[in-house]
Amino acid sequence: MTRKQFEALVDKALRRLPRGFREKIANIAVVVEDWADDETLEEMGIEPPDTLYGLYRGIDITHRRRWPRSCARR
């Protein structure tokens, strides 16, 4: 499978997610990379022959600051 074919499958899978789930991940960029770089593997504590198949970088939803409803409406 080519990279272009794989990216098309990823796009198709994301479009097929239920609406409620798609709305929750609307601000998340899904990036396809051939391999994780050595720095990332080291940071995650992954050593060969293991590899990384997915990674979320960002603030965990349980640690995000919630805006008061009055601010969110403005």
C-alpha atoms as a PDB file:
ATOM      1  CA  MET A   1       0.000   0.000   0.000  1.00  0.00           C
ATOM      2  CA  THR A   2       1.326   3.433  -0.854  1.00  0.00           C
ATOM      3  CA  ARG A   3       1.408   6.295   1.588  1.00  0.00           C
ATOM      4  CA  LYS A   4      -1.252   8.104  -0.467  1.00  0.00           C
ATOM      5  CA  GLN A   5      -3.552   5.053  -0.292  1.00  0.00           C
ATOM      6  CA  PHE A   6      -3.025   4.755   3.460  1.00  0.00           C
ATOM      7  CA  GLU A   7      -3.749   8.456   4.026  1.00  0.00           C
ATOM      8  CA  ALA A   8      -6.946   8.073   1.976  1.00  0.00           C
ATOM      9  CA  LEU A   9      -8.008   5.183   4.237  1.00  0.00           C
ATOM     10  CA  VAL A  10      -7.301   7.287   7.335  1.00  0.00           C
ATOM     11  CA  ASP A  11      -9.385  10.172   5.926  1.00  0.00           C
ATOM     12  CA  LYS A  12     -12.220   7.789   5.063  1.00  0.00           C
ATOM     13  CA  ALA A  13     -12.164   6.227   8.534  1.00  0.00           C
ATOM     14  CA  LEU A  14     -12.267   9.657  10.194  1.00  0.00           C
ATOM     15  CA  ARG A  15     -15.213  10.726   8.031  1.00  0.00           C
ATOM     16  CA  ARG A  16     -17.104   7.553   9.017  1.00  0.00           C
ATOM     17  CA  LEU A  17     -16.853   8.179  12.745  1.00  0.00           C
ATOM     18  CA  PRO A  18     -20.160   9.004  14.428  1.00  0.00           C
ATOM     19  CA  ARG A  19     -20.927  12.737  14.334  1.00  0.00           C
ATOM     20  CA  GLY A  20     -20.648  13.172  18.106  1.00  0.00           C
ATOM     21  CA  PHE A  21     -17.176  11.677  18.112  1.00  0.00           C
ATOM     22  CA  ARG A  22     -16.065  13.698  15.045  1.00  0.00           C
ATOM     23  CA  GLU A  23     -17.186  16.868  16.814  1.00  0.00           C
ATOM     24  CA  LYS A  24     -15.080  15.979  19.860  1.00  0.00           C
ATOM     25  CA  ILE A  25     -11.937  15.516  17.742  1.00  0.00           C
ATOM     26  CA  ALA A  26     -12.554  18.429  15.365  1.00  0.00           C
ATOM     27  CA  ASN A  27      -9.546  20.338  16.723  1.00  0.00           C
ATOM     28  CA  ILE A  28      -7.174  17.366  16.505  1.00  0.00           C
ATOM     29  CA  ALA A  29      -4.849  16.976  13.543  1.00  0.00           C
ATOM     30  CA  VAL A  30      -4.213  13.403  12.460  1.00  0.00           C
ATOM     31  CA  VAL A  31      -0.726  13.199  10.976  1.00  0.00           C
ATOM     32  CA  VAL A  32       0.628  10.123   9.199  1.00  0.00           C
ATOM     33  CA  GLU A  33       4.370   9.539   9.512  1.00  0.00           C
ATOM     34  CA  ASP A  34       6.406   6.646   8.120  1.00  0.00           C
ATOM     35  CA  TRP A  35       8.205   6.063  11.427  1.00  0.00           C
ATOM     36  CA  ALA A  36       8.595   7.779  14.762  1.00  0.00           C
ATOM     37  CA  ASP A  37      11.890   9.614  15.152  1.00  0.00           C
ATOM     38  CA  ASP A  38      14.500   8.341  17.602  1.00  0.00           C
ATOM     39  CA  GLU A  39      13.870  11.206  20.025  1.00  0.00           C
ATOM     40  CA  THR A  40      10.163  10.378  20.292  1.00  0.00           C
ATOM     41  CA  LEU A  41      10.850   6.657  20.746  1.00  0.00           C
ATOM     42  CA  GLU A  42      13.317   7.456  23.500  1.00  0.00           C
ATOM     43  CA  GLU A  43      10.884   9.870  25.160  1.00  0.00           C
ATOM     44  CA  MET A  44       8.189   7.181  25.149  1.00  0.00           C
ATOM     45  CA  GLY A  45      10.575   4.495  26.408  1.00  0.00           C
ATOM     46  CA  ILE A  46      10.171   2.361  23.290  1.00  0.00           C
ATOM     47  CA  GLU A  47      13.112   0.206  22.251  1.00  0.00           C
ATOM     48  CA  PRO A  48      13.546  -1.944  19.125  1.00  0.00           C
ATOM     49  CA  PRO A  49      12.070  -4.192  17.956  1.00  0.00           C
ATOM     50  CA  ASP A  50       8.970  -2.405  19.280  1.00  0.00           C
ATOM     51  CA  THR A  51       7.689   0.688  17.514  1.00  0.00           C
ATOM     52  CA  LEU A  52       5.089   3.416  17.908  1.00  0.00           C
ATOM     53  CA  TYR A  53       1.771   3.177  16.071  1.00  0.00           C
ATOM     54  CA  GLY A  54       0.012   6.220  17.478  1.00  0.00           C
ATOM     55  CA  LEU A  55       0.663   9.181  19.725  1.00  0.00           C
ATOM     56  CA  TYR A  56      -1.406  12.055  21.062  1.00  0.00           C
ATOM     57  CA  ARG A  57       0.525  15.216  21.845  1.00  0.00           C
ATOM     58  CA  GLY A  58      -1.401  17.824  23.737  1.00  0.00           C
ATOM     59  CA  ILE A  59      -3.151  18.506  26.992  1.00  0.00           C
ATOM     60  CA  ASP A  60      -5.151  15.548  28.256  1.00  0.00           C
ATOM     61  CA  ILE A  61      -8.837  16.463  28.380  1.00  0.00           C
ATOM     62  CA  THR A  62      -8.892  15.719  32.110  1.00  0.00           C
ATOM     63  CA  HIS A  63      -6.285  18.446  32.655  1.00  0.00           C
ATOM     64  CA  ARG A  64      -7.693  21.162  30.405  1.00  0.00           C
ATOM     65  CA  ARG A  65      -8.979  24.329  31.984  1.00  0.00           C
ATOM     66  CA  ARG A  66     -12.677  24.734  31.465  1.00  0.00           C
ATOM     67  CA  TRP A  67     -14.003  28.156  30.552  1.00  0.00           C
ATOM     68  CA  PRO A  68     -17.020  29.455  32.432  1.00  0.00           C
ATOM     69  CA  ARG A  69     -20.164  29.219  30.287  1.00  0.00           C
ATOM     70  CA  SER A  70     -20.469  33.031  30.288  1.00  0.00           C
ATOM     71  CA  CYS A  71     -17.047  33.302  28.566  1.00  0.00           C
ATOM     72  CA  ALA A  72     -17.740  30.520  26.086  1.00  0.00           C
ATOM     73  CA  ARG A  73     -20.770  32.319  24.665  1.00  0.00           C
ATOM     74  CA  ARG A  74     -18.997  35.521  23.788  1.00  0.00           C
END
